[in-house]
Amino acid sequence: MGDVSTWIKEGQQEGGLVGQFNAMMVSRLTGLAEQVELTVSGSAEAAPKPEDRMVANLIHPECTDDQLDAIYAAGLQPMLFSAAQIEAGMPWIMPDLPLHGLIVEHIEADNDE
């Protein structure tokens, strides 16, 4: 029985080397995969909490109620800004809104007719 299992193991290794079999799977099956043991000593520290002014949780003050209503009516959520972004002068840009599955760009009516 030992000769058969040796023959199978060698066949798997050779097949993995020449690309006949998946080399990663062969290395796992034959016990050749590299094993890494990871130990952690000490206590894990929590990530520092970001400053409140850096968290994007505000609707831009230049966004009008009508624009906000249109965004919600389209089934979307408005883009949120952090206080730092607003203080730095980040502009408000109205997003293109989907209409019946199509993206409709803001088009101004041409009344020159």
PDB file of N, CA and C in Angstrom:
ATOM      1  N   MET A   1       0.818  -1.190   0.000  1.00  0.00           N
ATOM      2  CA  MET A   1       0.000   0.000   0.000  1.00  0.00           C
ATOM      3  C   MET A   1       0.861   1.252   0.000  1.00  0.00           C
ATOM      4  N   GLY A   2       2.006   1.207   0.657  1.00  0.00           N
ATOM      5  CA  GLY A   2       2.902   2.348   0.703  1.00  0.00           C
ATOM      6  C   GLY A   2       3.434   2.717  -0.669  1.00  0.00           C
ATOM      7  N   ASP A   3       3.700   1.732  -1.512  1.00  0.00           N
ATOM      8  CA  ASP A   3       4.204   2.013  -2.852  1.00  0.00           C
ATOM      9  C   ASP A   3       3.167   2.740  -3.699  1.00  0.00           C
ATOM     10  N   VAL A   4       1.901   2.369  -3.564  1.00  0.00           N
ATOM     11  CA  VAL A   4       0.830   2.997  -4.334  1.00  0.00           C
ATOM     12  C   VAL A   4       0.657   4.450  -3.908  1.00  0.00           C
ATOM     13  N   SER A   5       0.624   4.712  -2.605  1.00  0.00           N
ATOM     14  CA  SER A   5       0.438   6.087  -2.139  1.00  0.00           C
ATOM     15  C   SER A   5       1.643   6.956  -2.503  1.00  0.00           C
ATOM     16  N   THR A   6       2.845   6.378  -2.482  1.00  0.00           N
ATOM     17  CA  THR A   6       4.034   7.118  -2.907  1.00  0.00           C
ATOM     18  C   THR A   6       3.936   7.443  -4.385  1.00  0.00           C
ATOM     19  N   TRP A   7       3.500   6.453  -5.190  1.00  0.00           N
ATOM     20  CA  TRP A   7       3.367   6.658  -6.629  1.00  0.00           C
ATOM     21  C   TRP A   7       2.341   7.762  -6.926  1.00  0.00           C
ATOM     22  N   ILE A   8       1.194   7.771  -6.198  1.00  0.00           N
ATOM     23  CA  ILE A   8       0.154   8.792  -6.384  1.00  0.00           C
ATOM     24  C   ILE A   8       0.696  10.165  -5.992  1.00  0.00           C
ATOM     25  N   LYS A   9       1.386  10.236  -4.864  1.00  0.00           N
ATOM     26  CA  LYS A   9       1.933  11.507  -4.376  1.00  0.00           C
ATOM     27  C   LYS A   9       2.936  12.075  -5.364  1.00  0.00           C
ATOM     28  N   GLU A  10       3.817  11.225  -5.896  1.00  0.00           N
ATOM     29  CA  GLU A  10       4.805  11.677  -6.879  1.00  0.00           C
ATOM     30  C   GLU A  10       4.122  12.129  -8.166  1.00  0.00           C
ATOM     31  N   GLY A  11       3.061  11.399  -8.565  1.00  0.00           N
ATOM     32  CA  GLY A  11       2.313  11.794  -9.761  1.00  0.00           C
ATOM     33  C   GLY A  11       1.639  13.140  -9.592  1.00  0.00           C
ATOM     34  N   GLN A  12       1.105  13.386  -8.414  1.00  0.00           N
ATOM     35  CA  GLN A  12       0.475  14.677  -8.132  1.00  0.00           C
ATOM     36  C   GLN A  12       1.508  15.797  -8.171  1.00  0.00           C
ATOM     37  N   GLN A  13       2.670  15.563  -7.559  1.00  0.00           N
ATOM     38  CA  GLN A  13       3.718  16.586  -7.537  1.00  0.00           C
ATOM     39  C   GLN A  13       4.199  16.900  -8.946  1.00  0.00           C
ATOM     40  N   GLU A  14       4.436  15.866  -9.742  1.00  0.00           N
ATOM     41  CA  GLU A  14       4.897  16.069 -11.117  1.00  0.00           C
ATOM     42  C   GLU A  14       3.826  16.793 -11.934  1.00  0.00           C
ATOM     43  N   GLY A  15       2.558  16.403 -11.738  1.00  0.00           N
ATOM     44  CA  GLY A  15       1.458  17.066 -12.446  1.00  0.00           C
ATOM     45  C   GLY A  15       1.339  18.528 -12.050  1.00  0.00           C
ATOM     46  N   GLY A  16       1.576  18.830 -10.785  1.00  0.00           N
ATOM     47  CA  GLY A  16       1.555  20.222 -10.334  1.00  0.00           C
ATOM     48  C   GLY A  16       2.698  21.019 -10.908  1.00  0.00           C
ATOM     49  N   LEU A  17       3.863  20.395 -11.054  1.00  0.00           N
ATOM     50  CA  LEU A  17       5.036  21.096 -11.592  1.00  0.00           C
ATOM     51  C   LEU A  17       4.884  21.431 -13.065  1.00  0.00           C
ATOM     52  N   VAL A  18       4.265  20.550 -13.827  1.00  0.00           N
ATOM     53  CA  VAL A  18       4.140  20.788 -15.272  1.00  0.00           C
ATOM     54  C   VAL A  18       2.836  21.475 -15.642  1.00  0.00           C
ATOM     55  N   GLY A  19       2.001  21.782 -14.645  1.00  0.00           N
ATOM     56  CA  GLY A  19       0.765  22.503 -14.908  1.00  0.00           C
ATOM     57  C   GLY A  19      -0.409  21.620 -15.257  1.00  0.00           C
ATOM     58  N   GLN A  20      -0.255  20.329 -15.137  1.00  0.00           N
ATOM     59  CA  GLN A  20      -1.352  19.409 -15.411  1.00  0.00           C
ATOM     60  C   GLN A  20      -2.415  19.503 -14.315  1.00  0.00           C
ATOM     61  N   PHE A  21      -1.979  19.741 -13.090  1.00  0.00           N
ATOM     62  CA  PHE A  21      -2.869  19.919 -11.952  1.00  0.00           C
ATOM     63  C   PHE A  21      -2.624  21.299 -11.355  1.00  0.00           C
ATOM     64  N   ASN A  22      -3.559  21.767 -10.572  1.00  0.00           N
ATOM     65  CA  ASN A  22      -3.417  23.035  -9.868  1.00  0.00           C
ATOM     66  C   ASN A  22      -2.317  22.873  -8.809  1.00  0.00           C
ATOM     67  N   ALA A  23      -1.236  23.623  -8.989  1.00  0.00           N
ATOM     68  CA  ALA A  23      -0.070  23.481  -8.113  1.00  0.00           C
ATOM     69  C   ALA A  23      -0.407  23.774  -6.654  1.00  0.00           C
ATOM     70  N   MET A  24      -1.273  24.754  -6.404  1.00  0.00           N
ATOM     71  CA  MET A  24      -1.638  25.101  -5.029  1.00  0.00           C
ATOM     72  C   MET A  24      -2.389  23.954  -4.373  1.00  0.00           C
ATOM     73  N   MET A  25      -3.305  23.348  -5.123  1.00  0.00           N
ATOM     74  CA  MET A  25      -4.073  22.234  -4.566  1.00  0.00           C
ATOM     75  C   MET A  25      -3.166  21.029  -4.310  1.00  0.00           C
ATOM     76  N   VAL A  26      -2.242  20.764  -5.227  1.00  0.00           N
ATOM     77  CA  VAL A  26      -1.322  19.641  -5.053  1.00  0.00           C
ATOM     78  C   VAL A  26      -0.453  19.863  -3.825  1.00  0.00           C
ATOM     79  N   SER A  27       0.027  21.088  -3.636  1.00  0.00           N
ATOM     80  CA  SER A  27       0.885  21.354  -2.480  1.00  0.00           C
ATOM     81  C   SER A  27       0.117  21.154  -1.176  1.00  0.00           C
ATOM     82  N   ARG A  28      -1.153  21.476  -1.182  1.00  0.00           N
ATOM     83  CA  ARG A  28      -1.963  21.251   0.020  1.00  0.00           C
ATOM     84  C   ARG A  28      -2.214  19.761   0.249  1.00  0.00           C
ATOM     85  N   LEU A  29      -2.569  19.066  -0.835  1.00  0.00           N
ATOM     86  CA  LEU A  29      -2.863  17.629  -0.704  1.00  0.00           C
ATOM     87  C   LEU A  29      -1.646  16.831  -0.246  1.00  0.00           C
ATOM     88  N   THR A  30      -0.485  17.224  -0.730  1.00  0.00           N
ATOM     89  CA  THR A  30       0.724  16.462  -0.408  1.00  0.00           C
ATOM     90  C   THR A  30       1.439  16.988   0.827  1.00  0.00           C
ATOM     91  N   GLY A  31       0.884  18.007   1.459  1.00  0.00           N
ATOM     92  CA  GLY A  31       1.479  18.528   2.687  1.00  0.00           C
ATOM     93  C   GLY A  31       2.680  19.413   2.454  1.00  0.00           C
ATOM     94  N   LEU A  32       2.846  19.932   1.226  1.00  0.00           N
ATOM     95  CA  LEU A  32       3.992  20.778   0.915  1.00  0.00           C
ATOM     96  C   LEU A  32       3.699  22.262   1.092  1.00  0.00           C
ATOM     97  N   ALA A  33       2.462  22.603   1.388  1.00  0.00           N
ATOM     98  CA  ALA A  33       2.093  24.005   1.526  1.00  0.00           C
ATOM     99  C   ALA A  33       2.845  24.626   2.694  1.00  0.00           C
ATOM    100  N   GLU A  34       3.246  25.865   2.508  1.00  0.00           N
ATOM    101  CA  GLU A  34       3.945  26.578   3.571  1.00  0.00           C
ATOM    102  C   GLU A  34       2.959  26.911   4.674  1.00  0.00           C
ATOM    103  N   GLN A  35       3.334  26.616   5.885  1.00  0.00           N
ATOM    104  CA  GLN A  35       2.470  26.907   7.015  1.00  0.00           C
ATOM    105  C   GLN A  35       3.104  28.011   7.843  1.00  0.00           C
ATOM    106  N   VAL A  36       2.294  28.977   8.176  1.00  0.00           N
ATOM    107  CA  VAL A  36       2.764  30.119   8.951  1.00  0.00           C
ATOM    108  C   VAL A  36       1.975  30.168  10.245  1.00  0.00           C
ATOM    109  N   GLU A  37       2.689  30.288  11.353  1.00  0.00           N
ATOM    110  CA  GLU A  37       2.030  30.410  12.642  1.00  0.00           C
ATOM    111  C   GLU A  37       2.163  31.850  13.084  1.00  0.00           C
ATOM    112  N   LEU A  38       1.056  32.442  13.411  1.00  0.00           N
ATOM    113  CA  LEU A  38       1.029  33.844  13.800  1.00  0.00           C
ATOM    114  C   LEU A  38       0.611  33.940  15.251  1.00  0.00           C
ATOM    115  N   THR A  39       1.427  34.597  16.047  1.00  0.00           N
ATOM    116  CA  THR A  39       1.074  34.819  17.443  1.00  0.00           C
ATOM    117  C   THR A  39       1.096  36.315  17.710  1.00  0.00           C
ATOM    118  N   VAL A  40       0.172  36.744  18.522  1.00  0.00           N
ATOM    119  CA  VAL A  40       0.071  38.159  18.868  1.00  0.00           C
ATOM    120  C   VAL A  40       0.305  38.277  20.354  1.00  0.00           C
ATOM    121  N   SER A  41       1.220  39.150  20.716  1.00  0.00           N
ATOM    122  CA  SER A  41       1.464  39.366  22.134  1.00  0.00           C
ATOM    123  C   SER A  41       1.013  40.775  22.511  1.00  0.00           C
ATOM    124  N   GLY A  42       0.636  40.939  23.706  1.00  0.00           N
ATOM    125  CA  GLY A  42       0.177  42.246  24.160  1.00  0.00           C
ATOM    126  C   GLY A  42      -1.304  42.410  23.882  1.00  0.00           C
ATOM    127  N   SER A  43      -1.785  43.618  24.025  1.00  0.00           N
ATOM    128  CA  SER A  43      -3.203  43.881  23.803  1.00  0.00           C
ATOM    129  C   SER A  43      -3.373  44.669  22.511  1.00  0.00           C
ATOM    130  N   ALA A  44      -4.446  44.383  21.839  1.00  0.00           N
ATOM    131  CA  ALA A  44      -4.745  45.095  20.601  1.00  0.00           C
ATOM    132  C   ALA A  44      -5.384  46.436  20.956  1.00  0.00           C
ATOM    133  N   GLU A  45      -4.915  47.475  20.313  1.00  0.00           N
ATOM    134  CA  GLU A  45      -5.469  48.800  20.555  1.00  0.00           C
ATOM    135  C   GLU A  45      -6.527  49.100  19.503  1.00  0.00           C
ATOM    136  N   ALA A  46      -7.571  49.755  19.924  1.00  0.00           N
ATOM    137  CA  ALA A  46      -8.615  50.145  18.988  1.00  0.00           C
ATOM    138  C   ALA A  46      -8.083  51.264  18.089  1.00  0.00           C
ATOM    139  N   ALA A  47      -8.576  51.285  16.871  1.00  0.00           N
ATOM    140  CA  ALA A  47      -8.195  52.354  15.951  1.00  0.00           C
ATOM    141  C   ALA A  47      -8.655  53.687  16.536  1.00  0.00           C
ATOM    142  N   PRO A  48      -7.886  54.731  16.312  1.00  0.00           N
ATOM    143  CA  PRO A  48      -8.296  56.029  16.871  1.00  0.00           C
ATOM    144  C   PRO A  48      -9.585  56.514  16.223  1.00  0.00           C
ATOM    145  N   LYS A  49     -10.438  57.106  17.020  1.00  0.00           N
ATOM    146  CA  LYS A  49     -11.701  57.643  16.522  1.00  0.00           C
ATOM    147  C   LYS A  49     -11.417  58.912  15.726  1.00  0.00           C
ATOM    148  N   PRO A  50     -11.999  59.027  14.518  1.00  0.00           N
ATOM    149  CA  PRO A  50     -11.762  60.244  13.730  1.00  0.00           C
ATOM    150  C   PRO A  50     -12.448  61.446  14.380  1.00  0.00           C
ATOM    151  N   GLU A  51     -11.904  62.614  14.104  1.00  0.00           N
ATOM    152  CA  GLU A  51     -12.521  63.837  14.604  1.00  0.00           C
ATOM    153  C   GLU A  51     -13.912  63.968  13.997  1.00  0.00           C
ATOM    154  N   ASP A  52     -14.844  64.491  14.757  1.00  0.00           N
ATOM    155  CA  ASP A  52     -16.223  64.654  14.276  1.00  0.00           C
ATOM    156  C   ASP A  52     -16.279  65.498  13.002  1.00  0.00           C
ATOM    157  N   ARG A  53     -15.413  66.500  12.895  1.00  0.00           N
ATOM    158  CA  ARG A  53     -15.456  67.375  11.717  1.00  0.00           C
ATOM    159  C   ARG A  53     -14.930  66.696  10.459  1.00  0.00           C
ATOM    160  N   MET A  54     -14.357  65.501  10.605  1.00  0.00           N
ATOM    161  CA  MET A  54     -13.824  64.768   9.455  1.00  0.00           C
ATOM    162  C   MET A  54     -14.800  63.698   8.950  1.00  0.00           C
ATOM    163  N   VAL A  55     -15.911  63.496   9.643  1.00  0.00           N
ATOM    164  CA  VAL A  55     -16.880  62.463   9.272  1.00  0.00           C
ATOM    165  C   VAL A  55     -17.913  63.054   8.308  1.00  0.00           C
ATOM    166  N   ALA A  56     -18.127  62.387   7.174  1.00  0.00           N
ATOM    167  CA  ALA A  56     -19.089  62.858   6.171  1.00  0.00           C
ATOM    168  C   ALA A  56     -20.499  62.491   6.624  1.00  0.00           C
ATOM    169  N   ASN A  57     -21.169  63.447   7.265  1.00  0.00           N
ATOM    170  CA  ASN A  57     -22.516  63.194   7.782  1.00  0.00           C
ATOM    171  C   ASN A  57     -23.445  64.391   7.600  1.00  0.00           C
ATOM    172  N   LEU A  58     -23.040  65.337   6.744  1.00  0.00           N
ATOM    173  CA  LEU A  58     -23.831  66.551   6.549  1.00  0.00           C
ATOM    174  C   LEU A  58     -24.273  66.687   5.095  1.00  0.00           C
ATOM    175  N   ILE A  59     -25.504  67.163   4.907  1.00  0.00           N
ATOM    176  CA  ILE A  59     -25.948  67.527   3.559  1.00  0.00           C
ATOM    177  C   ILE A  59     -25.400  68.918   3.295  1.00  0.00           C
ATOM    178  N   HIS A  60     -24.884  69.133   2.102  1.00  0.00           N
ATOM    179  CA  HIS A  60     -24.251  70.416   1.766  1.00  0.00           C
ATOM    180  C   HIS A  60     -25.263  71.542   1.949  1.00  0.00           C
ATOM    181  N   PRO A  61     -24.855  72.649   2.571  1.00  0.00           N
ATOM    182  CA  PRO A  61     -25.799  73.751   2.825  1.00  0.00           C
ATOM    183  C   PRO A  61     -26.322  74.414   1.544  1.00  0.00           C
ATOM    184  N   GLU A  62     -25.645  74.260   0.417  1.00  0.00           N
ATOM    185  CA  GLU A  62     -26.119  74.856  -0.836  1.00  0.00           C
ATOM    186  C   GLU A  62     -27.156  73.980  -1.540  1.00  0.00           C
ATOM    187  N   CYS A  63     -27.399  72.782  -1.045  1.00  0.00           N
ATOM    188  CA  CYS A  63     -28.407  71.887  -1.611  1.00  0.00           C
ATOM    189  C   CYS A  63     -29.785  72.400  -1.181  1.00  0.00           C
ATOM    190  N   THR A  64     -30.620  72.730  -2.161  1.00  0.00           N
ATOM    191  CA  THR A  64     -31.940  73.269  -1.832  1.00  0.00           C
ATOM    192  C   THR A  64     -32.905  72.143  -1.481  1.00  0.00           C
ATOM    193  N   ASP A  65     -34.024  72.530  -0.875  1.00  0.00           N
ATOM    194  CA  ASP A  65     -35.055  71.540  -0.529  1.00  0.00           C
ATOM    195  C   ASP A  65     -35.615  70.882  -1.784  1.00  0.00           C
ATOM    196  N   ASP A  66     -35.782  71.662  -2.867  1.00  0.00           N
ATOM    197  CA  ASP A  66     -36.287  71.094  -4.121  1.00  0.00           C
ATOM    198  C   ASP A  66     -35.307  70.067  -4.692  1.00  0.00           C
ATOM    199  N   GLN A  67     -34.015  70.377  -4.642  1.00  0.00           N
ATOM    200  CA  GLN A  67     -33.005  69.431  -5.123  1.00  0.00           C
ATOM    201  C   GLN A  67     -33.015  68.163  -4.273  1.00  0.00           C
ATOM    202  N   LEU A  68     -33.132  68.346  -2.980  1.00  0.00           N
ATOM    203  CA  LEU A  68     -33.159  67.207  -2.062  1.00  0.00           C
ATOM    204  C   LEU A  68     -34.386  66.336  -2.321  1.00  0.00           C
ATOM    205  N   ASP A  69     -35.541  66.975  -2.546  1.00  0.00           N
ATOM    206  CA  ASP A  69     -36.757  66.230  -2.868  1.00  0.00           C
ATOM    207  C   ASP A  69     -36.595  65.438  -4.166  1.00  0.00           C
ATOM    208  N   ALA A  70     -35.948  66.036  -5.176  1.00  0.00           N
ATOM    209  CA  ALA A  70     -35.737  65.354  -6.458  1.00  0.00           C
ATOM    210  C   ALA A  70     -34.802  64.161  -6.292  1.00  0.00           C
ATOM    211  N   ILE A  71     -33.797  64.309  -5.464  1.00  0.00           N
ATOM    212  CA  ILE A  71     -32.855  63.206  -5.214  1.00  0.00           C
ATOM    213  C   ILE A  71     -33.578  62.047  -4.546  1.00  0.00           C
ATOM    214  N   TYR A  72     -34.361  62.347  -3.514  1.00  0.00           N
ATOM    215  CA  TYR A  72     -35.106  61.303  -2.817  1.00  0.00           C
ATOM    216  C   TYR A  72     -36.165  60.673  -3.728  1.00  0.00           C
ATOM    217  N   ALA A  73     -36.834  61.491  -4.570  1.00  0.00           N
ATOM    218  CA  ALA A  73     -37.857  60.977  -5.485  1.00  0.00           C
ATOM    219  C   ALA A  73     -37.251  60.013  -6.502  1.00  0.00           C
ATOM    220  N   ALA A  74     -35.978  60.213  -6.838  1.00  0.00           N
ATOM    221  CA  ALA A  74     -35.293  59.319  -7.783  1.00  0.00           C
ATOM    222  C   ALA A  74     -34.824  58.039  -7.094  1.00  0.00           C
ATOM    223  N   GLY A  75     -35.090  57.923  -5.788  1.00  0.00           N
ATOM    224  CA  GLY A  75     -34.680  56.725  -5.057  1.00  0.00           C
ATOM    225  C   GLY A  75     -33.218  56.736  -4.659  1.00  0.00           C
ATOM    226  N   LEU A  76     -32.624  57.908  -4.636  1.00  0.00           N
ATOM    227  CA  LEU A  76     -31.206  58.040  -4.299  1.00  0.00           C
ATOM    228  C   LEU A  76     -31.038  58.691  -2.936  1.00  0.00           C
ATOM    229  N   GLN A  77     -29.837  58.651  -2.443  1.00  0.00           N
ATOM    230  CA  GLN A  77     -29.477  59.333  -1.211  1.00  0.00           C
ATOM    231  C   GLN A  77     -28.556  60.500  -1.584  1.00  0.00           C
ATOM    232  N   PRO A  78     -28.673  61.634  -0.912  1.00  0.00           N
ATOM    233  CA  PRO A  78     -27.790  62.760  -1.235  1.00  0.00           C
ATOM    234  C   PRO A  78     -26.352  62.473  -0.788  1.00  0.00           C
ATOM    235  N   MET A  79     -25.414  63.065  -1.496  1.00  0.00           N
ATOM    236  CA  MET A  79     -24.017  62.932  -1.108  1.00  0.00           C
ATOM    237  C   MET A  79     -23.811  63.667   0.207  1.00  0.00           C
ATOM    238  N   LEU A  80     -23.071  63.043   1.100  1.00  0.00           N
ATOM    239  CA  LEU A  80     -22.801  63.660   2.396  1.00  0.00           C
ATOM    240  C   LEU A  80     -21.402  64.247   2.423  1.00  0.00           C
ATOM    241  N   PHE A  81     -21.240  65.309   3.164  1.00  0.00           N
ATOM    242  CA  PHE A  81     -19.968  66.014   3.269  1.00  0.00           C
ATOM    243  C   PHE A  81     -19.560  66.108   4.733  1.00  0.00           C
ATOM    244  N   SER A  82     -18.273  66.213   4.971  1.00  0.00           N
ATOM    245  CA  SER A  82     -17.791  66.453   6.327  1.00  0.00           C
ATOM    246  C   SER A  82     -17.753  67.960   6.560  1.00  0.00           C
ATOM    247  N   ALA A  83     -17.734  68.337   7.813  1.00  0.00           N
ATOM    248  CA  ALA A  83     -17.633  69.760   8.142  1.00  0.00           C
ATOM    249  C   ALA A  83     -16.336  70.332   7.574  1.00  0.00           C
ATOM    250  N   ALA A  84     -15.269  69.539   7.588  1.00  0.00           N
ATOM    251  CA  ALA A  84     -13.988  70.004   7.053  1.00  0.00           C
ATOM    252  C   ALA A  84     -14.088  70.278   5.548  1.00  0.00           C
ATOM    253  N   GLN A  85     -14.828  69.439   4.817  1.00  0.00           N
ATOM    254  CA  GLN A  85     -14.990  69.660   3.381  1.00  0.00           C
ATOM    255  C   GLN A  85     -15.780  70.932   3.107  1.00  0.00           C
ATOM    256  N   ILE A  86     -16.838  71.143   3.860  1.00  0.00           N
ATOM    257  CA  ILE A  86     -17.657  72.342   3.669  1.00  0.00           C
ATOM    258  C   ILE A  86     -16.853  73.586   4.024  1.00  0.00           C
ATOM    259  N   GLU A  87     -16.103  73.532   5.118  1.00  0.00           N
ATOM    260  CA  GLU A  87     -15.263  74.673   5.528  1.00  0.00           C
ATOM    261  C   GLU A  87     -14.191  74.969   4.478  1.00  0.00           C
ATOM    262  N   ALA A  88     -13.716  73.931   3.791  1.00  0.00           N
ATOM    263  CA  ALA A  88     -12.668  74.115   2.776  1.00  0.00           C
ATOM    264  C   ALA A  88     -13.233  74.616   1.456  1.00  0.00           C
ATOM    265  N   GLY A  89     -14.570  74.723   1.352  1.00  0.00           N
ATOM    266  CA  GLY A  89     -15.174  75.267   0.138  1.00  0.00           C
ATOM    267  C   GLY A  89     -15.529  74.231  -0.914  1.00  0.00           C
ATOM    268  N   MET A  90     -15.677  72.984  -0.526  1.00  0.00           N
ATOM    269  CA  MET A  90     -16.083  71.935  -1.476  1.00  0.00           C
ATOM    270  C   MET A  90     -17.427  72.330  -2.073  1.00  0.00           C
ATOM    271  N   PRO A  91     -17.526  72.377  -3.413  1.00  0.00           N
ATOM    272  CA  PRO A  91     -18.778  72.842  -4.026  1.00  0.00           C
ATOM    273  C   PRO A  91     -19.862  71.769  -4.015  1.00  0.00           C
ATOM    274  N   TRP A  92     -21.106  72.222  -4.066  1.00  0.00           N
ATOM    275  CA  TRP A  92     -22.250  71.326  -4.219  1.00  0.00           C
ATOM    276  C   TRP A  92     -22.514  71.171  -5.709  1.00  0.00           C
ATOM    277  N   ILE A  93     -22.587  69.947  -6.178  1.00  0.00           N
ATOM    278  CA  ILE A  93     -22.898  69.666  -7.572  1.00  0.00           C
ATOM    279  C   ILE A  93     -24.090  68.723  -7.576  1.00  0.00           C
ATOM    280  N   MET A  94     -25.160  69.159  -8.206  1.00  0.00           N
ATOM    281  CA  MET A  94     -26.371  68.338  -8.278  1.00  0.00           C
ATOM    282  C   MET A  94     -26.085  67.118  -9.145  1.00  0.00           C
ATOM    283  N   PRO A  95     -26.372  65.909  -8.633  1.00  0.00           N
ATOM    284  CA  PRO A  95     -26.105  64.706  -9.425  1.00  0.00           C
ATOM    285  C   PRO A  95     -27.112  64.546 -10.559  1.00  0.00           C
ATOM    286  N   ASP A  96     -26.707  63.811 -11.609  1.00  0.00           N
ATOM    287  CA  ASP A  96     -27.650  63.442 -12.657  1.00  0.00           C
ATOM    288  C   ASP A  96     -28.631  62.449 -12.054  1.00  0.00           C
ATOM    289  N   LEU A  97     -29.890  62.617 -12.373  1.00  0.00           N
ATOM    290  CA  LEU A  97     -30.913  61.775 -11.777  1.00  0.00           C
ATOM    291  C   LEU A  97     -31.474  60.794 -12.798  1.00  0.00           C
ATOM    292  N   PRO A  98     -31.679  59.538 -12.413  1.00  0.00           N
ATOM    293  CA  PRO A  98     -32.264  58.568 -13.343  1.00  0.00           C
ATOM    294  C   PRO A  98     -33.763  58.829 -13.506  1.00  0.00           C
ATOM    295  N   LEU A  99     -34.251  58.627 -14.717  1.00  0.00           N
ATOM    296  CA  LEU A  99     -35.671  58.789 -14.985  1.00  0.00           C
ATOM    297  C   LEU A  99     -36.110  57.628 -15.852  1.00  0.00           C
ATOM    298  N   HIS A 100     -36.940  56.772 -15.317  1.00  0.00           N
ATOM    299  CA  HIS A 100     -37.418  55.579 -16.022  1.00  0.00           C
ATOM    300  C   HIS A 100     -36.249  54.721 -16.509  1.00  0.00           C
ATOM    301  N   GLY A 101     -35.232  54.567 -15.675  1.00  0.00           N
ATOM    302  CA  GLY A 101     -34.108  53.714 -16.020  1.00  0.00           C
ATOM    303  C   GLY A 101     -33.058  54.382 -16.891  1.00  0.00           C
ATOM    304  N   LEU A 102     -33.268  55.623 -17.291  1.00  0.00           N
ATOM    305  CA  LEU A 102     -32.297  56.334 -18.123  1.00  0.00           C
ATOM    306  C   LEU A 102     -31.681  57.461 -17.317  1.00  0.00           C
ATOM    307  N   ILE A 103     -30.440  57.771 -17.594  1.00  0.00           N
ATOM    308  CA  ILE A 103     -29.801  58.910 -16.946  1.00  0.00           C
ATOM    309  C   ILE A 103     -30.178  60.162 -17.729  1.00  0.00           C
ATOM    310  N   VAL A 104     -30.752  61.113 -17.039  1.00  0.00           N
ATOM    311  CA  VAL A 104     -31.162  62.352 -17.682  1.00  0.00           C
ATOM    312  C   VAL A 104     -30.244  63.454 -17.179  1.00  0.00           C
ATOM    313  N   GLU A 105     -29.558  64.097 -18.098  1.00  0.00           N
ATOM    314  CA  GLU A 105     -28.688  65.202 -17.710  1.00  0.00           C
ATOM    315  C   GLU A 105     -29.542  66.457 -17.556  1.00  0.00           C
ATOM    316  N   HIS A 106     -29.042  67.385 -16.804  1.00  0.00           N
ATOM    317  CA  HIS A 106     -29.754  68.643 -16.620  1.00  0.00           C
ATOM    318  C   HIS A 106     -29.695  69.414 -17.929  1.00  0.00           C
ATOM    319  N   ILE A 107     -30.863  69.617 -18.524  1.00  0.00           N
ATOM    320  CA  ILE A 107     -30.935  70.302 -19.814  1.00  0.00           C
ATOM    321  C   ILE A 107     -31.786  71.546 -19.621  1.00  0.00           C
ATOM    322  N   GLU A 108     -31.246  72.653 -20.042  1.00  0.00           N
ATOM    323  CA  GLU A 108     -32.008  73.884 -19.955  1.00  0.00           C
ATOM    324  C   GLU A 108     -32.856  74.001 -21.228  1.00  0.00           C
ATOM    325  N   ALA A 109     -34.108  74.395 -21.078  1.00  0.00           N
ATOM    326  CA  ALA A 109     -34.994  74.519 -22.230  1.00  0.00           C
ATOM    327  C   ALA A 109     -34.556  75.706 -23.080  1.00  0.00           C
ATOM    328  N   ASP A 110     -34.591  75.501 -24.376  1.00  0.00           N
ATOM    329  CA  ASP A 110     -34.220  76.572 -25.311  1.00  0.00           C
ATOM    330  C   ASP A 110     -35.494  77.292 -25.718  1.00  0.00           C
ATOM    331  N   ASN A 111     -35.681  78.484 -25.198  1.00  0.00           N
ATOM    332  CA  ASN A 111     -36.918  79.236 -25.430  1.00  0.00           C
ATOM    333  C   ASN A 111     -36.747  80.282 -26.521  1.00  0.00           C
ATOM    334  N   ASP A 112     -35.805  80.089 -27.441  1.00  0.00           N
ATOM    335  CA  ASP A 112     -35.553  81.072 -28.492  1.00  0.00           C
ATOM    336  C   ASP A 112     -36.445  80.863 -29.700  1.00  0.00           C
ATOM    337  N   GLU A 113     -37.422  79.988 -29.648  1.00  0.00           N
ATOM    338  CA  GLU A 113     -38.233  79.684 -30.806  1.00  0.00           C
ATOM    339  C   GLU A 113     -39.241  80.766 -31.094  1.00  0.00           C
TER     340      GLU A 113
END
